[in-house]
Amino acid sequence: MAAENFRHDPAIDRFNSMRENAYLNFRWTRKTVTTAVIGFIVVPVAIYYGTVASTNRWNWNGKRKGEPLAIKP
C-alpha cells in the first residue's frame, strides 16, 4: 500500500505553520509598503486610466464589413 512508503517531512509542517501565522509576524517595511502602493494604488489607477481613455472610442453596433469601428472625434 502507498501508506507504507510515506515519510513525514517536518519542513512541510513548519512551512504550513509559517503561512498560517504570517499575519502575526507582519511588519511594515520598505518592501511591503512598496508592494502595497503598487498593488493597491498604481495598478488600479492604471486600469482606470486605460478604461477612461478607451471609453466611447469604438462603436460595435450594427457595423458591416468595411465600415470602421473607430468613432470620429
N, C-alpha and C. Protein backbone atom coordinates (compact mmCIF):
# COMPACT_ATOMS: atom_id res chain seq x y z
N MET A 1 0.82 -1.18 0.00
CA MET A 1 0.00 0.00 0.00
C MET A 1 0.88 1.26 0.00
N ALA A 2 0.29 2.37 -0.41
CA ALA A 2 1.03 3.62 -0.50
C ALA A 2 1.37 4.17 0.88
N ALA A 3 0.58 3.88 1.89
CA ALA A 3 0.82 4.43 3.22
C ALA A 3 2.09 3.87 3.83
N GLU A 4 2.53 2.72 3.41
CA GLU A 4 3.74 2.13 3.96
C GLU A 4 4.99 2.90 3.54
N ASN A 5 4.96 3.55 2.38
CA ASN A 5 6.13 4.26 1.88
C ASN A 5 6.13 5.74 2.26
N PHE A 6 5.17 6.17 3.03
CA PHE A 6 5.06 7.59 3.38
C PHE A 6 6.05 7.94 4.48
N ARG A 7 6.82 9.01 4.25
CA ARG A 7 7.73 9.53 5.28
C ARG A 7 7.31 10.95 5.59
N HIS A 8 7.09 11.23 6.85
CA HIS A 8 6.64 12.55 7.28
C HIS A 8 7.82 13.53 7.20
N ASP A 9 7.58 14.70 6.59
CA ASP A 9 8.60 15.72 6.46
C ASP A 9 8.26 16.89 7.38
N PRO A 10 9.03 17.13 8.41
CA PRO A 10 8.73 18.22 9.34
C PRO A 10 8.86 19.60 8.70
N ALA A 11 9.61 19.72 7.62
CA ALA A 11 9.75 21.01 6.94
C ALA A 11 8.41 21.45 6.35
N ILE A 12 7.61 20.51 5.89
CA ILE A 12 6.29 20.85 5.36
C ILE A 12 5.41 21.40 6.46
N ASP A 13 5.46 20.80 7.65
CA ASP A 13 4.68 21.30 8.79
C ASP A 13 5.14 22.69 9.20
N ARG A 14 6.45 22.93 9.21
CA ARG A 14 6.96 24.27 9.56
C ARG A 14 6.51 25.31 8.55
N PHE A 15 6.56 24.95 7.26
CA PHE A 15 6.13 25.87 6.22
C PHE A 15 4.64 26.18 6.35
N ASN A 16 3.81 25.15 6.57
CA ASN A 16 2.37 25.37 6.74
C ASN A 16 2.09 26.24 7.94
N SER A 17 2.80 26.00 9.02
CA SER A 17 2.60 26.81 10.22
C SER A 17 2.99 28.26 9.97
N MET A 18 4.11 28.48 9.26
CA MET A 18 4.54 29.84 8.95
C MET A 18 3.50 30.56 8.10
N ARG A 19 2.94 29.88 7.08
CA ARG A 19 1.95 30.50 6.20
C ARG A 19 0.65 30.80 6.94
N GLU A 20 0.24 29.91 7.85
CA GLU A 20 -1.00 30.13 8.58
C GLU A 20 -0.88 31.26 9.59
N ASN A 21 0.32 31.52 10.08
CA ASN A 21 0.53 32.55 11.10
C ASN A 21 1.30 33.75 10.58
N ALA A 22 1.29 33.95 9.28
CA ALA A 22 2.07 35.06 8.69
C ALA A 22 1.58 36.41 9.18
N TYR A 23 0.28 36.55 9.40
CA TYR A 23 -0.26 37.84 9.84
C TYR A 23 0.24 38.22 11.24
N LEU A 24 0.63 37.26 12.04
CA LEU A 24 1.13 37.55 13.39
C LEU A 24 2.52 38.18 13.36
N ASN A 25 3.30 37.86 12.35
CA ASN A 25 4.67 38.36 12.26
C ASN A 25 4.85 39.45 11.22
N PHE A 26 3.74 40.01 10.71
CA PHE A 26 3.83 41.02 9.66
C PHE A 26 4.37 42.33 10.21
N ARG A 27 5.26 42.95 9.44
CA ARG A 27 5.80 44.26 9.79
C ARG A 27 5.79 45.11 8.53
N TRP A 28 5.51 46.42 8.70
CA TRP A 28 5.59 47.35 7.58
C TRP A 28 7.05 47.69 7.36
N THR A 29 7.57 47.25 6.23
CA THR A 29 8.94 47.56 5.83
C THR A 29 8.87 48.31 4.51
N ARG A 30 10.02 48.73 4.04
CA ARG A 30 10.06 49.45 2.76
C ARG A 30 9.52 48.57 1.63
N LYS A 31 9.84 47.29 1.66
CA LYS A 31 9.38 46.38 0.62
C LYS A 31 7.87 46.16 0.68
N THR A 32 7.30 45.98 1.87
CA THR A 32 5.86 45.75 1.96
C THR A 32 5.08 47.02 1.63
N VAL A 33 5.61 48.18 1.99
CA VAL A 33 4.94 49.44 1.63
C VAL A 33 4.97 49.63 0.11
N THR A 34 6.10 49.36 -0.50
CA THR A 34 6.21 49.49 -1.96
C THR A 34 5.24 48.55 -2.67
N THR A 35 5.18 47.32 -2.21
CA THR A 35 4.26 46.34 -2.80
C THR A 35 2.81 46.78 -2.62
N ALA A 36 2.48 47.28 -1.43
CA ALA A 36 1.11 47.73 -1.18
C ALA A 36 0.74 48.92 -2.05
N VAL A 37 1.64 49.88 -2.19
CA VAL A 37 1.36 51.06 -3.00
C VAL A 37 1.18 50.67 -4.46
N ILE A 38 2.05 49.82 -4.96
CA ILE A 38 1.93 49.39 -6.36
C ILE A 38 0.65 48.59 -6.57
N GLY A 39 0.36 47.68 -5.66
CA GLY A 39 -0.79 46.80 -5.83
C GLY A 39 -2.13 47.44 -5.58
N PHE A 40 -2.19 48.41 -4.67
CA PHE A 40 -3.47 49.00 -4.29
C PHE A 40 -3.71 50.40 -4.84
N ILE A 41 -2.68 51.03 -5.37
CA ILE A 41 -2.86 52.39 -5.90
C ILE A 41 -2.47 52.47 -7.37
N VAL A 42 -1.25 52.08 -7.72
CA VAL A 42 -0.74 52.26 -9.08
C VAL A 42 -1.50 51.40 -10.09
N VAL A 43 -1.67 50.12 -9.80
CA VAL A 43 -2.34 49.22 -10.74
C VAL A 43 -3.81 49.62 -10.96
N PRO A 44 -4.60 49.87 -9.91
CA PRO A 44 -5.98 50.29 -10.17
C PRO A 44 -6.09 51.63 -10.92
N VAL A 45 -5.21 52.57 -10.62
CA VAL A 45 -5.22 53.85 -11.33
C VAL A 45 -4.88 53.64 -12.80
N ALA A 46 -3.91 52.77 -13.08
CA ALA A 46 -3.54 52.49 -14.47
C ALA A 46 -4.70 51.82 -15.22
N ILE A 47 -5.38 50.89 -14.58
CA ILE A 47 -6.53 50.24 -15.20
C ILE A 47 -7.65 51.25 -15.44
N TYR A 48 -7.90 52.11 -14.45
CA TYR A 48 -8.93 53.13 -14.60
C TYR A 48 -8.59 54.09 -15.74
N TYR A 49 -7.34 54.54 -15.81
CA TYR A 49 -6.93 55.46 -16.86
C TYR A 49 -7.07 54.81 -18.24
N GLY A 50 -6.67 53.55 -18.35
CA GLY A 50 -6.81 52.86 -19.62
C GLY A 50 -8.26 52.69 -20.03
N THR A 51 -9.13 52.45 -19.06
CA THR A 51 -10.55 52.31 -19.34
C THR A 51 -11.16 53.64 -19.78
N VAL A 52 -10.84 54.70 -19.07
CA VAL A 52 -11.37 56.02 -19.42
C VAL A 52 -10.87 56.47 -20.78
N ALA A 53 -9.61 56.17 -21.09
CA ALA A 53 -9.03 56.60 -22.36
C ALA A 53 -9.67 55.88 -23.55
N SER A 54 -10.16 54.67 -23.34
CA SER A 54 -10.72 53.93 -24.47
C SER A 54 -12.25 53.89 -24.48
N THR A 55 -12.88 54.48 -23.48
CA THR A 55 -14.34 54.50 -23.45
C THR A 55 -14.86 55.40 -24.56
N ASN A 56 -15.92 54.99 -25.20
CA ASN A 56 -16.55 55.73 -26.29
C ASN A 56 -15.61 55.98 -27.48
N ARG A 57 -14.63 55.12 -27.63
CA ARG A 57 -13.70 55.26 -28.75
C ARG A 57 -14.10 54.33 -29.90
N TRP A 58 -14.83 53.27 -29.57
CA TRP A 58 -15.22 52.28 -30.55
C TRP A 58 -16.73 52.12 -30.56
N ASN A 59 -17.28 51.87 -31.72
CA ASN A 59 -18.71 51.63 -31.85
C ASN A 59 -18.91 50.32 -32.60
N TRP A 60 -19.41 49.31 -31.90
CA TRP A 60 -19.58 47.98 -32.48
C TRP A 60 -21.01 47.76 -32.94
N ASN A 61 -21.90 48.69 -32.72
CA ASN A 61 -23.31 48.48 -33.02
C ASN A 61 -23.59 48.51 -34.52
N GLY A 62 -24.09 47.40 -35.04
CA GLY A 62 -24.54 47.33 -36.43
C GLY A 62 -23.50 47.64 -37.47
N LYS A 63 -22.25 47.31 -37.22
CA LYS A 63 -21.20 47.58 -38.20
C LYS A 63 -21.18 46.46 -39.24
N ARG A 64 -20.93 46.85 -40.46
CA ARG A 64 -20.83 45.89 -41.55
C ARG A 64 -19.40 45.81 -42.01
N LYS A 65 -19.15 44.83 -42.86
CA LYS A 65 -17.80 44.63 -43.38
C LYS A 65 -17.36 45.88 -44.14
N GLY A 66 -16.18 46.36 -43.79
CA GLY A 66 -15.64 47.53 -44.46
C GLY A 66 -15.91 48.84 -43.73
N GLU A 67 -16.85 48.86 -42.81
CA GLU A 67 -17.13 50.09 -42.04
C GLU A 67 -16.17 50.16 -40.84
N PRO A 68 -15.65 51.35 -40.57
CA PRO A 68 -14.69 51.48 -39.46
C PRO A 68 -15.41 51.37 -38.11
N LEU A 69 -14.69 50.82 -37.13
CA LEU A 69 -15.22 50.73 -35.78
C LEU A 69 -14.93 51.98 -34.96
N ALA A 70 -13.90 52.70 -35.33
CA ALA A 70 -13.50 53.89 -34.57
C ALA A 70 -14.51 55.00 -34.77
N ILE A 71 -14.80 55.70 -33.69
CA ILE A 71 -15.69 56.86 -33.73
C ILE A 71 -14.83 58.08 -34.04
N LYS A 72 -15.26 58.87 -34.99
CA LYS A 72 -14.51 60.06 -35.36
C LYS A 72 -14.77 61.15 -34.33
N PRO A 73 -13.69 61.79 -33.83
CA PRO A 73 -13.86 62.85 -32.82
C PRO A 73 -14.48 64.12 -33.35
